[in-house]
Amino acid sequence: RESDTKYIWGIEQYQSMRPSAKNPVNPVYVPYKVLTTKYVANLLIPGYAASICSYAWGEMRIFSNLSSLGDAAGIAAAYCINKGKLPYNLAQSDISAIQTTLKSVGARLDK
């Protein structure tokens, strides 16, 4: 809240609280694990169903990270099909390979 009576609501108020919302200097990054569920090994869950806490959602709603989750899920799905692996069972070397592919198409992964 901005004061005792006025709540922060909408993009204008959010940008007043965080001016870098349009071009973040330090964007929010989430791990690959938010796209997976231990209940279904061959399922990737981007978007609003991703396993992200409410605090992180507060940061991500405004940024392009939500779109990037879809890109990451698509590239990870293609990787898994090509390698015959399940999304939930990827090793760090697999994640690195997916990150390399994401970087090759212009994804910003490093702060």
PDB file of N, CA and C in Angstrom:
ATOM      1  N   ARG A   1       0.832  -1.182   0.000  1.00  0.00           N
ATOM      2  CA  ARG A   1       0.000   0.000   0.000  1.00  0.00           C
ATOM      3  C   ARG A   1       0.873   1.240   0.000  1.00  0.00           C
ATOM      4  N   GLU A   2       0.416   2.261  -0.689  1.00  0.00           N
ATOM      5  CA  GLU A   2       1.161   3.522  -0.722  1.00  0.00           C
ATOM      6  C   GLU A   2       0.952   4.310   0.565  1.00  0.00           C
ATOM      7  N   SER A   3      -0.221   4.189   1.136  1.00  0.00           N
ATOM      8  CA  SER A   3      -0.529   4.866   2.395  1.00  0.00           C
ATOM      9  C   SER A   3      -1.537   3.996   3.134  1.00  0.00           C
ATOM     10  N   ASP A   4      -2.077   4.520   4.225  1.00  0.00           N
ATOM     11  CA  ASP A   4      -3.050   3.738   4.984  1.00  0.00           C
ATOM     12  C   ASP A   4      -4.345   3.519   4.218  1.00  0.00           C
ATOM     13  N   THR A   5      -4.616   4.350   3.228  1.00  0.00           N
ATOM     14  CA  THR A   5      -5.894   4.244   2.534  1.00  0.00           C
ATOM     15  C   THR A   5      -5.784   3.877   1.060  1.00  0.00           C
ATOM     16  N   LYS A   6      -4.625   4.059   0.457  1.00  0.00           N
ATOM     17  CA  LYS A   6      -4.495   3.847  -0.984  1.00  0.00           C
ATOM     18  C   LYS A   6      -3.640   2.613  -1.272  1.00  0.00           C
ATOM     19  N   TYR A   7      -4.216   1.676  -2.011  1.00  0.00           N
ATOM     20  CA  TYR A   7      -3.495   0.471  -2.396  1.00  0.00           C
ATOM     21  C   TYR A   7      -2.764   0.678  -3.712  1.00  0.00           C
ATOM     22  N   ILE A   8      -1.638  -0.029  -3.865  1.00  0.00           N
ATOM     23  CA  ILE A   8      -0.922  -0.023  -5.136  1.00  0.00           C
ATOM     24  C   ILE A   8      -1.708  -0.943  -6.068  1.00  0.00           C
ATOM     25  N   TRP A   9      -2.152  -0.394  -7.201  1.00  0.00           N
ATOM     26  CA  TRP A   9      -2.991  -1.163  -8.104  1.00  0.00           C
ATOM     27  C   TRP A   9      -2.700  -0.767  -9.537  1.00  0.00           C
ATOM     28  N   GLY A  10      -2.399  -1.731 -10.384  1.00  0.00           N
ATOM     29  CA  GLY A  10      -2.191  -1.432 -11.789  1.00  0.00           C
ATOM     30  C   GLY A  10      -0.744  -1.120 -12.116  1.00  0.00           C
ATOM     31  N   ILE A  11      -0.471  -1.059 -13.408  1.00  0.00           N
ATOM     32  CA  ILE A  11       0.896  -0.897 -13.889  1.00  0.00           C
ATOM     33  C   ILE A  11       1.509   0.451 -13.507  1.00  0.00           C
ATOM     34  N   GLU A  12       0.733   1.519 -13.548  1.00  0.00           N
ATOM     35  CA  GLU A  12       1.307   2.837 -13.229  1.00  0.00           C
ATOM     36  C   GLU A  12       1.813   2.887 -11.790  1.00  0.00           C
ATOM     37  N   GLN A  13       1.019   2.368 -10.876  1.00  0.00           N
ATOM     38  CA  GLN A  13       1.435   2.364  -9.475  1.00  0.00           C
ATOM     39  C   GLN A  13       2.608   1.417  -9.263  1.00  0.00           C
ATOM     40  N   TYR A  14       2.569   0.269  -9.955  1.00  0.00           N
ATOM     41  CA  TYR A  14       3.676  -0.679  -9.810  1.00  0.00           C
ATOM     42  C   TYR A  14       4.971  -0.065 -10.325  1.00  0.00           C
ATOM     43  N   GLN A  15       4.898   0.644 -11.461  1.00  0.00           N
ATOM     44  CA  GLN A  15       6.094   1.259 -12.010  1.00  0.00           C
ATOM     45  C   GLN A  15       6.600   2.389 -11.110  1.00  0.00           C
ATOM     46  N   SER A  16       5.712   3.036 -10.374  1.00  0.00           N
ATOM     47  CA  SER A  16       6.183   4.052  -9.433  1.00  0.00           C
ATOM     48  C   SER A  16       6.948   3.406  -8.284  1.00  0.00           C
ATOM     49  N   MET A  17       6.574   2.178  -7.952  1.00  0.00           N
ATOM     50  CA  MET A  17       7.254   1.438  -6.896  1.00  0.00           C
ATOM     51  C   MET A  17       8.544   0.812  -7.431  1.00  0.00           C
ATOM     52  N   ARG A  18       8.506   0.367  -8.686  1.00  0.00           N
ATOM     53  CA  ARG A  18       9.668  -0.262  -9.313  1.00  0.00           C
ATOM     54  C   ARG A  18       9.829   0.329 -10.713  1.00  0.00           C
ATOM     55  N   PRO A  19      10.535   1.456 -10.828  1.00  0.00           N
ATOM     56  CA  PRO A  19      10.649   2.166 -12.100  1.00  0.00           C
ATOM     57  C   PRO A  19      11.275   1.342 -13.223  1.00  0.00           C
ATOM     58  N   SER A  20      12.042   0.324 -12.899  1.00  0.00           N
ATOM     59  CA  SER A  20      12.708  -0.458 -13.936  1.00  0.00           C
ATOM     60  C   SER A  20      11.800  -1.551 -14.507  1.00  0.00           C
ATOM     61  N   ALA A  21      10.491  -1.481 -14.258  1.00  0.00           N
ATOM     62  CA  ALA A  21       9.583  -2.544 -14.684  1.00  0.00           C
ATOM     63  C   ALA A  21       9.585  -2.748 -16.195  1.00  0.00           C
ATOM     64  N   LYS A  22       9.752  -1.671 -16.971  1.00  0.00           N
ATOM     65  CA  LYS A  22       9.746  -1.817 -18.431  1.00  0.00           C
ATOM     66  C   LYS A  22      11.043  -2.429 -18.941  1.00  0.00           C
ATOM     67  N   ASN A  23      12.158  -2.022 -18.416  1.00  0.00           N
ATOM     68  CA  ASN A  23      13.474  -2.551 -18.789  1.00  0.00           C
ATOM     69  C   ASN A  23      14.237  -2.883 -17.517  1.00  0.00           C
ATOM     70  N   PRO A  24      13.960  -4.024 -16.935  1.00  0.00           N
ATOM     71  CA  PRO A  24      14.566  -4.339 -15.642  1.00  0.00           C
ATOM     72  C   PRO A  24      16.079  -4.494 -15.721  1.00  0.00           C
ATOM     73  N   VAL A  25      16.753  -3.879 -14.766  1.00  0.00           N
ATOM     74  CA  VAL A  25      18.195  -4.024 -14.652  1.00  0.00           C
ATOM     75  C   VAL A  25      18.517  -5.417 -14.127  1.00  0.00           C
ATOM     76  N   ASN A  26      17.782  -5.845 -13.133  1.00  0.00           N
ATOM     77  CA  ASN A  26      17.942  -7.182 -12.551  1.00  0.00           C
ATOM     78  C   ASN A  26      16.614  -7.922 -12.630  1.00  0.00           C
ATOM     79  N   PRO A  27      16.313  -8.511 -13.789  1.00  0.00           N
ATOM     80  CA  PRO A  27      15.028  -9.210 -13.906  1.00  0.00           C
ATOM     81  C   PRO A  27      14.964 -10.423 -12.995  1.00  0.00           C
ATOM     82  N   VAL A  28      13.768 -10.885 -12.767  1.00  0.00           N
ATOM     83  CA  VAL A  28      13.549 -12.045 -11.918  1.00  0.00           C
ATOM     84  C   VAL A  28      13.808 -13.300 -12.740  1.00  0.00           C
ATOM     85  N   TYR A  29      14.539 -14.235 -12.189  1.00  0.00           N
ATOM     86  CA  TYR A  29      14.820 -15.503 -12.850  1.00  0.00           C
ATOM     87  C   TYR A  29      14.236 -16.625 -12.026  1.00  0.00           C
ATOM     88  N   VAL A  30      13.708 -17.613 -12.699  1.00  0.00           N
ATOM     89  CA  VAL A  30      13.149 -18.771 -12.005  1.00  0.00           C
ATOM     90  C   VAL A  30      13.842 -20.029 -12.515  1.00  0.00           C
ATOM     91  N   PRO A  31      13.974 -21.033 -11.675  1.00  0.00           N
ATOM     92  CA  PRO A  31      14.637 -22.270 -12.105  1.00  0.00           C
ATOM     93  C   PRO A  31      13.724 -23.119 -12.978  1.00  0.00           C
ATOM     94  N   TYR A  32      14.328 -23.995 -13.753  1.00  0.00           N
ATOM     95  CA  TYR A  32      13.596 -24.919 -14.623  1.00  0.00           C
ATOM     96  C   TYR A  32      12.566 -25.725 -13.836  1.00  0.00           C
ATOM     97  N   LYS A  33      12.884 -26.044 -12.598  1.00  0.00           N
ATOM     98  CA  LYS A  33      12.035 -26.910 -11.774  1.00  0.00           C
ATOM     99  C   LYS A  33      10.601 -26.382 -11.630  1.00  0.00           C
ATOM    100  N   VAL A  34      10.384 -25.063 -11.799  1.00  0.00           N
ATOM    101  CA  VAL A  34       9.025 -24.529 -11.682  1.00  0.00           C
ATOM    102  C   VAL A  34       8.122 -25.027 -12.808  1.00  0.00           C
ATOM    103  N   LEU A  35       8.723 -25.543 -13.884  1.00  0.00           N
ATOM    104  CA  LEU A  35       7.946 -26.036 -15.024  1.00  0.00           C
ATOM    105  C   LEU A  35       7.539 -27.499 -14.890  1.00  0.00           C
ATOM    106  N   THR A  36       8.069 -28.187 -13.880  1.00  0.00           N
ATOM    107  CA  THR A  36       7.822 -29.628 -13.760  1.00  0.00           C
ATOM    108  C   THR A  36       6.984 -29.959 -12.527  1.00  0.00           C
ATOM    109  N   THR A  37       6.435 -31.162 -12.540  1.00  0.00           N
ATOM    110  CA  THR A  37       5.722 -31.688 -11.381  1.00  0.00           C
ATOM    111  C   THR A  37       6.183 -33.123 -11.141  1.00  0.00           C
ATOM    112  N   LYS A  38       6.346 -33.477  -9.890  1.00  0.00           N
ATOM    113  CA  LYS A  38       6.801 -34.835  -9.587  1.00  0.00           C
ATOM    114  C   LYS A  38       5.712 -35.872  -9.825  1.00  0.00           C
ATOM    115  N   TYR A  39       4.499 -35.423 -10.059  1.00  0.00           N
ATOM    116  CA  TYR A  39       3.381 -36.343 -10.232  1.00  0.00           C
ATOM    117  C   TYR A  39       3.249 -36.888 -11.660  1.00  0.00           C
ATOM    118  N   VAL A  40       3.700 -36.103 -12.648  1.00  0.00           N
ATOM    119  CA  VAL A  40       3.627 -36.531 -14.049  1.00  0.00           C
ATOM    120  C   VAL A  40       4.965 -36.195 -14.690  1.00  0.00           C
ATOM    121  N   ALA A  41       5.793 -37.200 -14.915  1.00  0.00           N
ATOM    122  CA  ALA A  41       7.174 -36.990 -15.339  1.00  0.00           C
ATOM    123  C   ALA A  41       7.301 -36.399 -16.738  1.00  0.00           C
ATOM    124  N   ASN A  42       6.302 -36.578 -17.604  1.00  0.00           N
ATOM    125  CA  ASN A  42       6.420 -36.076 -18.970  1.00  0.00           C
ATOM    126  C   ASN A  42       5.566 -34.824 -19.207  1.00  0.00           C
ATOM    127  N   LEU A  43       5.369 -34.020 -18.180  1.00  0.00           N
ATOM    128  CA  LEU A  43       4.537 -32.825 -18.276  1.00  0.00           C
ATOM    129  C   LEU A  43       5.345 -31.576 -17.938  1.00  0.00           C
ATOM    130  N   LEU A  44       5.243 -30.542 -18.779  1.00  0.00           N
ATOM    131  CA  LEU A  44       5.824 -29.228 -18.497  1.00  0.00           C
ATOM    132  C   LEU A  44       4.669 -28.254 -18.280  1.00  0.00           C
ATOM    133  N   ILE A  45       4.787 -27.393 -17.283  1.00  0.00           N
ATOM    134  CA  ILE A  45       3.680 -26.523 -16.895  1.00  0.00           C
ATOM    135  C   ILE A  45       4.122 -25.050 -16.913  1.00  0.00           C
ATOM    136  N   PRO A  46       4.089 -24.392 -18.061  1.00  0.00           N
ATOM    137  CA  PRO A  46       4.403 -22.963 -18.081  1.00  0.00           C
ATOM    138  C   PRO A  46       3.154 -22.140 -17.755  1.00  0.00           C
ATOM    139  N   GLY A  47       3.325 -20.846 -17.635  1.00  0.00           N
ATOM    140  CA  GLY A  47       2.180 -19.966 -17.412  1.00  0.00           C
ATOM    141  C   GLY A  47       1.731 -19.933 -15.965  1.00  0.00           C
ATOM    142  N   TYR A  48       0.451 -19.648 -15.777  1.00  0.00           N
ATOM    143  CA  TYR A  48      -0.076 -19.453 -14.431  1.00  0.00           C
ATOM    144  C   TYR A  48      -0.091 -20.722 -13.588  1.00  0.00           C
ATOM    145  N   ALA A  49       0.043 -21.864 -14.198  1.00  0.00           N
ATOM    146  CA  ALA A  49       0.055 -23.112 -13.443  1.00  0.00           C
ATOM    147  C   ALA A  49       1.453 -23.492 -12.970  1.00  0.00           C
ATOM    148  N   ALA A  50       2.473 -22.733 -13.352  1.00  0.00           N
ATOM    149  CA  ALA A  50       3.846 -23.034 -12.933  1.00  0.00           C
ATOM    150  C   ALA A  50       3.947 -22.994 -11.411  1.00  0.00           C
ATOM    151  N   SER A  51       4.883 -23.742 -10.881  1.00  0.00           N
ATOM    152  CA  SER A  51       5.057 -23.841  -9.433  1.00  0.00           C
ATOM    153  C   SER A  51       5.892 -22.655  -8.926  1.00  0.00           C
ATOM    154  N   ILE A  52       5.223 -21.530  -8.745  1.00  0.00           N
ATOM    155  CA  ILE A  52       5.893 -20.294  -8.342  1.00  0.00           C
ATOM    156  C   ILE A  52       5.131 -19.697  -7.160  1.00  0.00           C
ATOM    157  N   CYS A  53       5.853 -19.293  -6.112  1.00  0.00           N
ATOM    158  CA  CYS A  53       5.199 -18.736  -4.926  1.00  0.00           C
ATOM    159  C   CYS A  53       4.582 -17.371  -5.244  1.00  0.00           C
ATOM    160  N   SER A  54       3.671 -16.934  -4.424  1.00  0.00           N
ATOM    161  CA  SER A  54       2.963 -15.676  -4.678  1.00  0.00           C
ATOM    162  C   SER A  54       3.906 -14.474  -4.680  1.00  0.00           C
ATOM    163  N   TYR A  55       4.957 -14.516  -3.892  1.00  0.00           N
ATOM    164  CA  TYR A  55       5.916 -13.410  -3.884  1.00  0.00           C
ATOM    165  C   TYR A  55       6.590 -13.281  -5.249  1.00  0.00           C
ATOM    166  N   ALA A  56       7.021 -14.415  -5.805  1.00  0.00           N
ATOM    167  CA  ALA A  56       7.660 -14.396  -7.126  1.00  0.00           C
ATOM    168  C   ALA A  56       6.675 -13.966  -8.201  1.00  0.00           C
ATOM    169  N   TRP A  57       5.405 -14.381  -8.095  1.00  0.00           N
ATOM    170  CA  TRP A  57       4.403 -13.947  -9.075  1.00  0.00           C
ATOM    171  C   TRP A  57       4.272 -12.435  -9.067  1.00  0.00           C
ATOM    172  N   GLY A  58       4.377 -11.830  -7.899  1.00  0.00           N
ATOM    173  CA  GLY A  58       4.300 -10.373  -7.819  1.00  0.00           C
ATOM    174  C   GLY A  58       5.366  -9.706  -8.658  1.00  0.00           C
ATOM    175  N   GLU A  59       6.518 -10.317  -8.757  1.00  0.00           N
ATOM    176  CA  GLU A  59       7.602  -9.796  -9.587  1.00  0.00           C
ATOM    177  C   GLU A  59       7.409 -10.164 -11.054  1.00  0.00           C
ATOM    178  N   MET A  60       6.941 -11.366 -11.312  1.00  0.00           N
ATOM    179  CA  MET A  60       6.906 -11.885 -12.683  1.00  0.00           C
ATOM    180  C   MET A  60       5.752 -11.383 -13.525  1.00  0.00           C
ATOM    181  N   ARG A  61       4.653 -11.010 -12.948  1.00  0.00           N
ATOM    182  CA  ARG A  61       3.483 -10.639 -13.739  1.00  0.00           C
ATOM    183  C   ARG A  61       3.784  -9.539 -14.739  1.00  0.00           C
ATOM    184  N   ILE A  62       4.591  -8.600 -14.356  1.00  0.00           N
ATOM    185  CA  ILE A  62       4.856  -7.451 -15.206  1.00  0.00           C
ATOM    186  C   ILE A  62       5.953  -7.738 -16.221  1.00  0.00           C
ATOM    187  N   PHE A  63       6.855  -8.578 -15.880  1.00  0.00           N
ATOM    188  CA  PHE A  63       8.017  -8.812 -16.740  1.00  0.00           C
ATOM    189  C   PHE A  63       7.724  -9.839 -17.824  1.00  0.00           C
ATOM    190  N   SER A  64       8.607  -9.915 -18.746  1.00  0.00           N
ATOM    191  CA  SER A  64       8.449 -10.867 -19.847  1.00  0.00           C
ATOM    192  C   SER A  64       8.805 -12.291 -19.429  1.00  0.00           C
ATOM    193  N   ASN A  65       9.124 -12.488 -18.172  1.00  0.00           N
ATOM    194  CA  ASN A  65       9.492 -13.835 -17.709  1.00  0.00           C
ATOM    195  C   ASN A  65       8.384 -14.847 -17.948  1.00  0.00           C
ATOM    196  N   LEU A  66       7.141 -14.409 -17.829  1.00  0.00           N
ATOM    197  CA  LEU A  66       6.042 -15.339 -18.032  1.00  0.00           C
ATOM    198  C   LEU A  66       6.070 -15.882 -19.454  1.00  0.00           C
ATOM    199  N   SER A  67       6.345 -15.032 -20.424  1.00  0.00           N
ATOM    200  CA  SER A  67       6.472 -15.483 -21.818  1.00  0.00           C
ATOM    201  C   SER A  67       7.685 -16.384 -21.970  1.00  0.00           C
ATOM    202  N   SER A  68       8.741 -16.045 -21.278  1.00  0.00           N
ATOM    203  CA  SER A  68       9.961 -16.842 -21.370  1.00  0.00           C
ATOM    204  C   SER A  68       9.755 -18.252 -20.841  1.00  0.00           C
ATOM    205  N   LEU A  69       8.853 -18.414 -19.879  1.00  0.00           N
ATOM    206  CA  LEU A  69       8.554 -19.760 -19.382  1.00  0.00           C
ATOM    207  C   LEU A  69       7.997 -20.629 -20.508  1.00  0.00           C
ATOM    208  N   GLY A  70       7.149 -20.044 -21.341  1.00  0.00           N
ATOM    209  CA  GLY A  70       6.608 -20.780 -22.483  1.00  0.00           C
ATOM    210  C   GLY A  70       7.698 -21.154 -23.468  1.00  0.00           C
ATOM    211  N   ASP A  71       8.605 -20.202 -23.739  1.00  0.00           N
ATOM    212  CA  ASP A  71       9.737 -20.492 -24.629  1.00  0.00           C
ATOM    213  C   ASP A  71      10.594 -21.619 -24.057  1.00  0.00           C
ATOM    214  N   ALA A  72      10.896 -21.522 -22.779  1.00  0.00           N
ATOM    215  CA  ALA A  72      11.733 -22.542 -22.134  1.00  0.00           C
ATOM    216  C   ALA A  72      11.045 -23.894 -22.155  1.00  0.00           C
ATOM    217  N   ALA A  73       9.743 -23.921 -21.901  1.00  0.00           N
ATOM    218  CA  ALA A  73       9.010 -25.191 -21.917  1.00  0.00           C
ATOM    219  C   ALA A  73       9.008 -25.795 -23.316  1.00  0.00           C
ATOM    220  N   GLY A  74       8.833 -24.966 -24.336  1.00  0.00           N
ATOM    221  CA  GLY A  74       8.836 -25.470 -25.706  1.00  0.00           C
ATOM    222  C   GLY A  74      10.176 -26.048 -26.102  1.00  0.00           C
ATOM    223  N   ILE A  75      11.252 -25.334 -25.778  1.00  0.00           N
ATOM    224  CA  ILE A  75      12.589 -25.823 -26.106  1.00  0.00           C
ATOM    225  C   ILE A  75      12.914 -27.068 -25.288  1.00  0.00           C
ATOM    226  N   ALA A  76      12.516 -27.081 -24.021  1.00  0.00           N
ATOM    227  CA  ALA A  76      12.755 -28.263 -23.184  1.00  0.00           C
ATOM    228  C   ALA A  76      11.963 -29.461 -23.708  1.00  0.00           C
ATOM    229  N   ALA A  77      10.738 -29.232 -24.161  1.00  0.00           N
ATOM    230  CA  ALA A  77       9.929 -30.329 -24.697  1.00  0.00           C
ATOM    231  C   ALA A  77      10.583 -30.912 -25.949  1.00  0.00           C
ATOM    232  N   ALA A  78      11.046 -30.041 -26.847  1.00  0.00           N
ATOM    233  CA  ALA A  78      11.715 -30.519 -28.061  1.00  0.00           C
ATOM    234  C   ALA A  78      12.997 -31.279 -27.710  1.00  0.00           C
ATOM    235  N   TYR A  79      13.740 -30.754 -26.747  1.00  0.00           N
ATOM    236  CA  TYR A  79      14.969 -31.410 -26.294  1.00  0.00           C
ATOM    237  C   TYR A  79      14.649 -32.810 -25.768  1.00  0.00           C
ATOM    238  N   CYS A  80      13.619 -32.910 -24.941  1.00  0.00           N
ATOM    239  CA  CYS A  80      13.256 -34.204 -24.351  1.00  0.00           C
ATOM    240  C   CYS A  80      12.823 -35.204 -25.424  1.00  0.00           C
ATOM    241  N   ILE A  81      12.075 -34.731 -26.402  1.00  0.00           N
ATOM    242  CA  ILE A  81      11.657 -35.630 -27.483  1.00  0.00           C
ATOM    243  C   ILE A  81      12.880 -36.116 -28.262  1.00  0.00           C
ATOM    244  N   ASN A  82      13.780 -35.182 -28.593  1.00  0.00           N
ATOM    245  CA  ASN A  82      14.974 -35.551 -29.365  1.00  0.00           C
ATOM    246  C   ASN A  82      15.907 -36.480 -28.607  1.00  0.00           C
ATOM    247  N   LYS A  83      15.970 -36.332 -27.283  1.00  0.00           N
ATOM    248  CA  LYS A  83      16.887 -37.137 -26.472  1.00  0.00           C
ATOM    249  C   LYS A  83      16.213 -38.347 -25.825  1.00  0.00           C
ATOM    250  N   GLY A  84      14.889 -38.454 -25.973  1.00  0.00           N
ATOM    251  CA  GLY A  84      14.171 -39.574 -25.355  1.00  0.00           C
ATOM    252  C   GLY A  84      14.164 -39.507 -23.846  1.00  0.00           C
ATOM    253  N   LYS A  85      14.059 -38.296 -23.293  1.00  0.00           N
ATOM    254  CA  LYS A  85      14.081 -38.104 -21.841  1.00  0.00           C
ATOM    255  C   LYS A  85      12.762 -37.522 -21.371  1.00  0.00           C
ATOM    256  N   LEU A  86      12.511 -37.634 -20.067  1.00  0.00           N
ATOM    257  CA  LEU A  86      11.328 -37.033 -19.460  1.00  0.00           C
ATOM    258  C   LEU A  86      11.707 -35.689 -18.840  1.00  0.00           C
ATOM    259  N   PRO A  87      10.854 -34.667 -18.971  1.00  0.00           N
ATOM    260  CA  PRO A  87      11.181 -33.346 -18.448  1.00  0.00           C
ATOM    261  C   PRO A  87      11.550 -33.320 -16.957  1.00  0.00           C
ATOM    262  N   TYR A  88      10.912 -34.162 -16.166  1.00  0.00           N
ATOM    263  CA  TYR A  88      11.182 -34.149 -14.722  1.00  0.00           C
ATOM    264  C   TYR A  88      12.537 -34.750 -14.377  1.00  0.00           C
ATOM    265  N   ASN A  89      13.076 -35.579 -15.249  1.00  0.00           N
ATOM    266  CA  ASN A  89      14.307 -36.300 -14.939  1.00  0.00           C
ATOM    267  C   ASN A  89      15.549 -35.725 -15.595  1.00  0.00           C
ATOM    268  N   LEU A  90      15.542 -34.469 -15.969  1.00  0.00           N
ATOM    269  CA  LEU A  90      16.701 -33.885 -16.633  1.00  0.00           C
ATOM    270  C   LEU A  90      17.831 -33.619 -15.641  1.00  0.00           C
ATOM    271  N   ALA A  91      19.038 -33.908 -16.074  1.00  0.00           N
ATOM    272  CA  ALA A  91      20.235 -33.635 -15.271  1.00  0.00           C
ATOM    273  C   ALA A  91      20.685 -32.196 -15.525  1.00  0.00           C
ATOM    274  N   GLN A  92      21.632 -31.726 -14.728  1.00  0.00           N
ATOM    275  CA  GLN A  92      22.148 -30.370 -14.904  1.00  0.00           C
ATOM    276  C   GLN A  92      22.751 -30.184 -16.295  1.00  0.00           C
ATOM    277  N   SER A  93      23.374 -31.224 -16.848  1.00  0.00           N
ATOM    278  CA  SER A  93      23.938 -31.127 -18.197  1.00  0.00           C
ATOM    279  C   SER A  93      22.837 -30.907 -19.239  1.00  0.00           C
ATOM    280  N   ASP A  94      21.664 -31.511 -19.020  1.00  0.00           N
ATOM    281  CA  ASP A  94      20.528 -31.302 -19.918  1.00  0.00           C
ATOM    282  C   ASP A  94      20.014 -29.862 -19.807  1.00  0.00           C
ATOM    283  N   ILE A  95      19.920 -29.368 -18.583  1.00  0.00           N
ATOM    284  CA  ILE A  95      19.475 -27.986 -18.361  1.00  0.00           C
ATOM    285  C   ILE A  95      20.445 -27.021 -19.041  1.00  0.00           C
ATOM    286  N   SER A  96      21.740 -27.287 -18.925  1.00  0.00           N
ATOM    287  CA  SER A  96      22.748 -26.437 -19.580  1.00  0.00           C
ATOM    288  C   SER A  96      22.575 -26.430 -21.089  1.00  0.00           C
ATOM    289  N   ALA A  97      22.272 -27.586 -21.665  1.00  0.00           N
ATOM    290  CA  ALA A  97      22.055 -27.668 -23.112  1.00  0.00           C
ATOM    291  C   ALA A  97      20.819 -26.867 -23.522  1.00  0.00           C
ATOM    292  N   ILE A  98      19.773 -26.939 -22.719  1.00  0.00           N
ATOM    293  CA  ILE A  98      18.556 -26.167 -22.992  1.00  0.00           C
ATOM    294  C   ILE A  98      18.848 -24.667 -22.875  1.00  0.00           C
ATOM    295  N   GLN A  99      19.613 -24.281 -21.852  1.00  0.00           N
ATOM    296  CA  GLN A  99      19.979 -22.869 -21.686  1.00  0.00           C
ATOM    297  C   GLN A  99      20.799 -22.367 -22.871  1.00  0.00           C
ATOM    298  N   THR A 100      21.689 -23.196 -23.376  1.00  0.00           N
ATOM    299  CA  THR A 100      22.488 -22.819 -24.546  1.00  0.00           C
ATOM    300  C   THR A 100      21.584 -22.561 -25.743  1.00  0.00           C
ATOM    301  N   THR A 101      20.591 -23.418 -25.929  1.00  0.00           N
ATOM    302  CA  THR A 101      19.639 -23.225 -27.027  1.00  0.00           C
ATOM    303  C   THR A 101      18.840 -21.939 -26.816  1.00  0.00           C
ATOM    304  N   LEU A 102      18.391 -21.700 -25.599  1.00  0.00           N
ATOM    305  CA  LEU A 102      17.639 -20.471 -25.313  1.00  0.00           C
ATOM    306  C   LEU A 102      18.479 -19.230 -25.606  1.00  0.00           C
ATOM    307  N   LYS A 103      19.744 -19.265 -25.202  1.00  0.00           N
ATOM    308  CA  LYS A 103      20.629 -18.126 -25.464  1.00  0.00           C
ATOM    309  C   LYS A 103      20.826 -17.912 -26.958  1.00  0.00           C
ATOM    310  N   SER A 104      20.866 -19.007 -27.725  1.00  0.00           N
ATOM    311  CA  SER A 104      21.083 -18.881 -29.173  1.00  0.00           C
ATOM    312  C   SER A 104      19.908 -18.202 -29.876  1.00  0.00           C
ATOM    313  N   VAL A 105      18.742 -18.201 -29.252  1.00  0.00           N
ATOM    314  CA  VAL A 105      17.595 -17.515 -29.834  1.00  0.00           C
ATOM    315  C   VAL A 105      17.316 -16.176 -29.148  1.00  0.00           C
ATOM    316  N   GLY A 106      18.262 -15.722 -28.328  1.00  0.00           N
ATOM    317  CA  GLY A 106      18.165 -14.380 -27.744  1.00  0.00           C
ATOM    318  C   GLY A 106      17.600 -14.279 -26.352  1.00  0.00           C
ATOM    319  N   ALA A 107      17.376 -15.397 -25.684  1.00  0.00           N
ATOM    320  CA  ALA A 107      16.868 -15.329 -24.307  1.00  0.00           C
ATOM    321  C   ALA A 107      17.945 -14.762 -23.389  1.00  0.00           C
ATOM    322  N   ARG A 108      17.528 -13.947 -22.448  1.00  0.00           N
ATOM    323  CA  ARG A 108      18.440 -13.345 -21.482  1.00  0.00           C
ATOM    324  C   ARG A 108      18.396 -14.184 -20.217  1.00  0.00           C
ATOM    325  N   LEU A 109      19.449 -14.924 -19.960  1.00  0.00           N
ATOM    326  CA  LEU A 109      19.460 -15.829 -18.812  1.00  0.00           C
ATOM    327  C   LEU A 109      20.374 -15.369 -17.692  1.00  0.00           C
ATOM    328  N   ASP A 110      21.287 -14.468 -17.972  1.00  0.00           N
ATOM    329  CA  ASP A 110      22.237 -14.023 -16.961  1.00  0.00           C
ATOM    330  C   ASP A 110      21.887 -12.624 -16.478  1.00  0.00           C
ATOM    331  N   LYS A 111      22.021 -12.430 -15.169  1.00  0.00           N
ATOM    332  CA  LYS A 111      21.755 -11.103 -14.615  1.00  0.00           C
ATOM    333  C   LYS A 111      22.875 -10.173 -14.936  1.00  0.00           C
TER     334      LYS A 111
END
